[in-house]
Amino acid sequence: MSIADQNYQKLIRRVLETGWSNEGQQVRTKWQDGTPAYTKAVFFESAVYDLSQEFPIHTLRPTAFKSCIEEILWIWQIKSNNIHDLRPKIWDQWADEEGSIGKAYGYQLRQKHDYKDGKYDQVDRILSYLKNDPCNRGMLTNLYNHAELNEMRLRPCVYGCNFDVTEDRLNLLVNQRSADLITAGGWNLTQYAVLAHMFAQASGLKPGILAYVIANAHVYDRHMDFAKDLATRPTYPAPKFTIDTDVKDFYSFTPDSFKLENYQTGPQIKDIPVAI
């Protein structure tokens, strides 16, 4: 059993058994037919993964690994906020007529700020710290810009990262304010594991600990049967993750730089309704 599956099934069972329902409350999310999308949720969940030992990806059902990587590169490497720069269609419903998701995600990462040693955006600031000042305890990124929330088509779910170096290993703490456990599943977890590998290799480091924190973990009312299914599915060993070791520049990684070997999974779940 993969550790990611073990943690995921434990969290789903916790939500189903002890989660608080907001049915009847005023909620922002709705189904396509206009019906309010209620949830059962729990507050605070955390998990720690040693990336040197196992790559965290679910085997209960397939994760679209290539699309997963394309999205994280779209945000962190291309630093785009326009869906025309992204092949997967996962953001289409939140984009405006020009394809923009507003001042969200990649837009926030590419904004440059003045520092004592120069002008950097958030990604290049981290890369500089990792190479030149790895003991710095201020290596963090933040996408939740309160001043510009009203100009974002969707508030960031994964909003903050803290980077830390222990000897020759890069550790990453990821903060997620809201997690739709069925639609997204372990999508973000896998993405940020890949991102940790990217930053580590580009900085001459090895991947270390990935610590993942979720504030609100929830299952939507129309996803309950999916959740019960996933909570009881058999699991498989985690696949082997490989990265092209010839790539040393963060901006030179492509979706083809990453591969999974022996990725065995349960069947895909189809026709999951998406709350918007």
Protein backbone atom coordinates (compact mmCIF):
# COMPACT_ATOMS: atom_id res chain seq x y z
CA MET A 1 0.00 0.00 0.00
CA SER A 2 1.31 3.43 -0.88
CA ILE A 3 1.58 5.93 1.96
CA ALA A 4 -0.41 8.47 -0.09
CA ASP A 5 -3.31 5.99 -0.41
CA GLN A 6 -3.16 5.11 3.26
CA ASN A 7 -3.39 8.77 4.31
CA TYR A 8 -6.11 9.52 1.74
CA GLN A 9 -8.39 6.68 2.77
CA LYS A 10 -7.94 7.55 6.43
CA LEU A 11 -8.92 11.17 5.68
CA ILE A 12 -11.99 10.18 3.64
CA ARG A 13 -13.19 7.90 6.43
CA ARG A 14 -12.67 10.71 8.93
CA VAL A 15 -14.81 13.06 6.83
CA LEU A 16 -17.56 10.46 6.32
CA GLU A 17 -17.65 9.45 9.99
CA THR A 18 -17.05 12.72 11.84
CA GLY A 19 -17.32 15.52 9.26
CA TRP A 20 -19.54 18.54 9.86
CA SER A 21 -22.25 19.15 7.28
CA ASN A 22 -23.02 22.71 6.13
CA GLU A 23 -26.33 21.71 4.56
CA GLY A 24 -28.82 24.56 4.91
CA GLN A 25 -26.07 27.14 5.36
CA GLN A 26 -25.27 29.88 2.87
CA VAL A 27 -22.53 28.44 0.63
CA ARG A 28 -20.70 29.93 -2.35
CA THR A 29 -20.43 26.77 -4.45
CA LYS A 30 -23.24 25.50 -6.66
CA TRP A 31 -23.87 22.60 -9.00
CA GLN A 32 -24.37 23.14 -12.71
CA ASP A 33 -28.15 23.11 -12.19
CA GLY A 34 -27.91 25.97 -9.67
CA THR A 35 -28.45 23.80 -6.60
CA PRO A 36 -26.26 24.70 -3.60
CA ALA A 37 -23.28 22.34 -3.29
CA TYR A 38 -23.05 21.34 0.36
CA THR A 39 -20.18 19.49 1.99
CA LYS A 40 -19.14 17.38 4.93
CA ALA A 41 -15.77 18.66 6.14
CA VAL A 42 -13.10 18.34 8.80
CA PHE A 43 -10.64 20.99 9.89
CA PHE A 44 -6.90 20.37 9.67
CA GLU A 45 -5.17 17.38 8.21
CA SER A 46 -1.44 16.94 7.77
CA ALA A 47 0.86 14.31 6.35
CA VAL A 48 4.60 13.95 5.93
CA TYR A 49 6.31 12.16 3.04
CA ASP A 50 9.99 11.32 2.65
CA LEU A 51 10.54 11.91 -1.06
CA SER A 52 13.77 9.93 -0.96
CA GLN A 53 11.76 6.83 -0.04
CA GLU A 54 8.47 7.01 -1.95
CA PHE A 55 6.73 9.20 -4.50
CA PRO A 56 3.25 10.25 -3.26
CA ILE A 57 0.62 9.46 -5.87
CA HIS A 58 -2.68 7.63 -5.46
CA THR A 59 -3.15 4.14 -6.85
CA LEU A 60 -6.83 3.82 -5.89
CA ARG A 61 -7.62 5.37 -9.27
CA PRO A 62 -5.38 6.82 -11.99
CA THR A 63 -3.93 10.29 -11.60
CA ALA A 64 -3.50 12.04 -14.96
CA PHE A 65 0.22 12.44 -14.35
CA LYS A 66 1.09 14.36 -17.54
CA SER A 67 -1.79 16.84 -17.08
CA CYS A 68 -0.84 17.18 -13.43
CA ILE A 69 2.68 18.23 -14.42
CA GLU A 70 1.49 20.52 -17.22
CA GLU A 71 -0.61 22.47 -14.74
CA ILE A 72 2.16 22.88 -12.14
CA LEU A 73 4.56 24.05 -14.88
CA TRP A 74 1.88 26.47 -16.12
CA ILE A 75 1.71 28.03 -12.66
CA TRP A 76 5.29 27.86 -11.39
CA GLN A 77 7.47 27.84 -14.51
CA ILE A 78 5.50 29.67 -17.20
CA LYS A 79 3.81 31.75 -14.45
CA SER A 80 0.75 32.12 -16.61
CA ASN A 81 -2.80 33.01 -15.68
CA ASN A 82 -4.22 32.35 -19.13
CA ILE A 83 -5.75 29.00 -20.11
CA HIS A 84 -4.50 29.39 -23.68
CA ASP A 85 -1.04 28.52 -22.29
CA LEU A 86 -2.37 25.27 -20.79
CA ARG A 87 -3.31 22.17 -22.79
CA PRO A 88 -5.58 20.48 -20.19
CA LYS A 89 -9.05 22.04 -19.93
CA ILE A 90 -9.30 21.95 -16.15
CA TRP A 91 -9.39 25.75 -15.80
CA ASP A 92 -11.74 26.56 -18.66
CA GLN A 93 -14.86 27.07 -16.54
CA TRP A 94 -13.16 29.79 -14.47
CA ALA A 95 -11.60 31.77 -17.34
CA ASP A 96 -13.06 34.91 -18.90
CA GLU A 97 -13.70 35.35 -22.62
CA GLU A 98 -10.00 36.09 -23.19
CA GLY A 99 -8.84 33.02 -21.30
CA SER A 100 -7.66 34.85 -18.18
CA ILE A 101 -8.26 33.65 -14.62
CA GLY A 102 -7.45 37.13 -13.34
CA LYS A 103 -4.68 38.00 -10.93
CA ALA A 104 -4.41 34.45 -9.65
CA TYR A 105 -1.77 31.72 -9.39
CA GLY A 106 0.91 32.34 -12.04
CA TYR A 107 0.15 36.05 -12.07
CA GLN A 108 1.12 36.33 -8.40
CA LEU A 109 4.30 34.31 -8.84
CA ARG A 110 5.63 36.46 -11.67
CA GLN A 111 5.25 39.82 -9.91
CA LYS A 112 8.69 41.21 -9.07
CA HIS A 113 9.61 42.81 -5.75
CA ASP A 114 12.61 44.76 -4.53
CA TYR A 115 15.13 43.08 -2.24
CA LYS A 116 18.50 44.24 -0.95
CA ASP A 117 20.28 42.12 -3.55
CA GLY A 118 18.03 42.86 -6.51
CA LYS A 119 14.56 42.54 -8.00
CA TYR A 120 12.99 39.05 -8.04
CA ASP A 121 9.68 37.37 -8.59
CA GLN A 122 8.69 34.73 -6.02
CA VAL A 123 10.08 31.75 -7.93
CA ASP A 124 13.44 33.32 -8.73
CA ARG A 125 13.72 34.56 -5.15
CA ILE A 126 13.50 30.97 -3.90
CA LEU A 127 15.99 29.72 -6.49
CA SER A 128 18.42 32.44 -5.47
CA TYR A 129 18.08 31.65 -1.77
CA LEU A 130 18.56 27.92 -2.34
CA LYS A 131 21.78 28.49 -4.26
CA ASN A 132 23.24 31.40 -2.28
CA ASP A 133 21.62 31.45 1.16
CA PRO A 134 20.22 27.97 1.94
CA CYS A 135 20.12 28.61 5.71
CA ASN A 136 17.61 31.42 5.19
CA ARG A 137 14.40 30.78 7.17
CA GLY A 138 12.40 33.17 5.02
CA MET A 139 12.16 31.01 1.91
CA LEU A 140 8.43 31.12 1.35
CA THR A 141 5.91 31.92 -1.36
CA ASN A 142 2.36 33.23 -1.02
CA LEU A 143 -0.38 33.33 -3.63
CA TYR A 144 -3.12 34.64 -1.33
CA ASN A 145 -2.82 38.35 -2.02
CA HIS A 146 -5.71 39.93 -0.10
CA ALA A 147 -5.42 43.20 -2.00
CA GLU A 148 -6.17 41.45 -5.29
CA LEU A 149 -8.57 38.67 -4.31
CA ASN A 150 -11.48 40.47 -5.97
CA GLU A 151 -9.55 40.35 -9.26
CA MET A 152 -9.05 36.58 -9.13
CA ARG A 153 -11.54 34.35 -10.93
CA LEU A 154 -10.85 31.71 -8.28
CA ARG A 155 -9.13 32.07 -4.94
CA PRO A 156 -5.99 29.93 -4.68
CA CYS A 157 -6.53 26.62 -2.91
CA VAL A 158 -2.85 25.76 -2.49
CA TYR A 159 -1.62 29.17 -1.45
CA GLY A 160 1.68 28.93 0.40
CA CYS A 161 5.00 27.09 0.46
CA ASN A 162 7.92 27.11 2.88
CA PHE A 163 11.28 25.84 1.65
CA ASP A 164 13.97 24.55 4.01
CA VAL A 165 17.39 22.96 3.53
CA THR A 166 18.69 20.28 5.88
CA GLU A 167 22.27 19.39 4.98
CA ASP A 168 21.97 18.47 1.28
CA ARG A 169 18.21 17.91 1.20
CA LEU A 170 15.40 20.26 0.27
CA ASN A 171 12.26 20.12 2.40
CA LEU A 172 8.94 21.64 1.36
CA LEU A 173 5.92 22.57 3.48
CA VAL A 174 2.72 23.08 1.45
CA ASN A 175 -0.38 24.84 2.77
CA GLN A 176 -3.79 24.26 1.20
CA ARG A 177 -6.80 26.19 2.51
CA SER A 178 -9.46 24.00 0.86
CA ALA A 179 -9.39 20.47 -0.58
CA ASP A 180 -12.15 18.85 -2.63
CA LEU A 181 -11.21 15.27 -1.83
CA ILE A 182 -13.07 13.57 -4.67
CA THR A 183 -12.75 15.87 -7.69
CA ALA A 184 -9.11 16.74 -7.01
CA GLY A 185 -8.10 13.78 -4.86
CA GLY A 186 -4.31 13.67 -4.52
CA TRP A 187 -3.73 15.86 -7.59
CA ASN A 188 -2.11 18.74 -5.68
CA LEU A 189 -0.05 16.41 -3.48
CA THR A 190 1.52 14.81 -6.54
CA GLN A 191 2.10 18.19 -8.19
CA TYR A 192 4.00 19.61 -5.25
CA ALA A 193 6.05 16.45 -4.90
CA VAL A 194 7.14 17.01 -8.51
CA LEU A 195 7.80 20.69 -7.76
CA ALA A 196 10.00 19.75 -4.79
CA HIS A 197 12.05 17.48 -7.05
CA MET A 198 12.39 20.33 -9.58
CA PHE A 199 13.61 22.90 -7.07
CA ALA A 200 15.98 20.39 -5.49
CA GLN A 201 17.62 19.34 -8.75
CA ALA A 202 17.86 22.92 -10.04
CA SER A 203 19.62 23.87 -6.79
CA GLY A 204 22.05 20.98 -6.57
CA LEU A 205 20.13 19.39 -3.70
CA LYS A 206 18.35 16.10 -3.07
CA PRO A 207 14.61 15.87 -2.33
CA GLY A 208 13.85 15.59 1.36
CA ILE A 209 10.62 15.92 3.32
CA LEU A 210 7.30 17.01 1.82
CA ALA A 211 4.96 18.16 4.58
CA TYR A 212 1.40 18.73 3.39
CA VAL A 213 -1.23 20.64 5.39
CA ILE A 214 -4.93 21.01 4.54
CA ALA A 215 -7.13 23.42 6.48
CA ASN A 216 -10.59 22.37 5.22
CA ALA A 217 -10.87 18.88 3.74
CA HIS A 218 -14.33 18.16 2.36
CA VAL A 219 -16.56 15.83 0.37
CA TYR A 220 -19.48 17.33 -1.55
CA ASP A 221 -22.99 15.97 -1.05
CA ARG A 222 -23.15 14.53 -4.57
CA HIS A 223 -19.76 12.83 -4.09
CA MET A 224 -20.65 10.67 -1.07
CA ASP A 225 -20.97 7.41 -3.00
CA PHE A 226 -17.64 8.06 -4.74
CA ALA A 227 -16.04 8.66 -1.34
CA LYS A 228 -17.41 5.42 0.11
CA ASP A 229 -16.09 3.54 -2.91
CA LEU A 230 -12.59 5.05 -2.67
CA ALA A 231 -12.41 4.50 1.09
CA THR A 232 -12.68 0.73 0.63
CA ARG A 233 -10.76 0.15 -2.60
CA PRO A 234 -7.65 -2.05 -2.66
CA THR A 235 -4.37 -0.22 -3.15
CA TYR A 236 -1.13 -0.94 -4.99
CA PRO A 237 2.53 -0.17 -4.30
CA ALA A 238 3.66 3.34 -5.15
CA PRO A 239 5.28 3.60 -8.60
CA LYS A 240 8.89 4.61 -9.18
CA PHE A 241 9.28 8.28 -10.07
CA THR A 242 12.14 9.32 -12.35
CA ILE A 243 13.35 12.76 -13.35
CA ASP A 244 15.69 13.67 -16.19
CA THR A 245 18.93 14.24 -14.29
CA ASP A 246 20.46 16.13 -17.20
CA VAL A 247 18.14 19.09 -16.58
CA LYS A 248 19.80 21.56 -14.20
CA ASP A 249 17.84 24.72 -15.00
CA PHE A 250 14.41 25.09 -13.38
CA TYR A 251 13.01 26.64 -16.56
CA SER A 252 14.22 23.81 -18.80
CA PHE A 253 11.99 21.09 -17.35
CA THR A 254 9.22 19.86 -19.65
CA PRO A 255 6.38 17.39 -19.04
CA ASP A 256 8.61 14.75 -20.65
CA SER A 257 11.27 15.29 -17.96
CA PHE A 258 9.26 13.15 -15.54
CA LYS A 259 8.12 9.54 -15.71
CA LEU A 260 6.41 6.90 -13.62
CA GLU A 261 7.39 3.24 -13.76
CA ASN A 262 5.08 0.40 -12.72
CA TYR A 263 2.12 2.66 -12.04
CA GLN A 264 -0.67 0.19 -11.27
CA THR A 265 -4.08 1.55 -10.26
CA GLY A 266 -7.71 0.75 -9.72
CA PRO A 267 -10.32 1.81 -12.26
CA GLN A 268 -11.01 5.43 -13.09
CA ILE A 269 -14.13 7.09 -11.67
CA LYS A 270 -16.12 8.74 -14.43
CA ASP A 271 -18.76 11.47 -14.53
CA ILE A 272 -17.86 13.18 -11.26
CA PRO A 273 -19.92 16.39 -11.08
CA VAL A 274 -17.87 19.51 -10.40
CA ALA A 275 -19.07 22.22 -8.03
CA ILE A 276 -18.36 25.76 -9.17
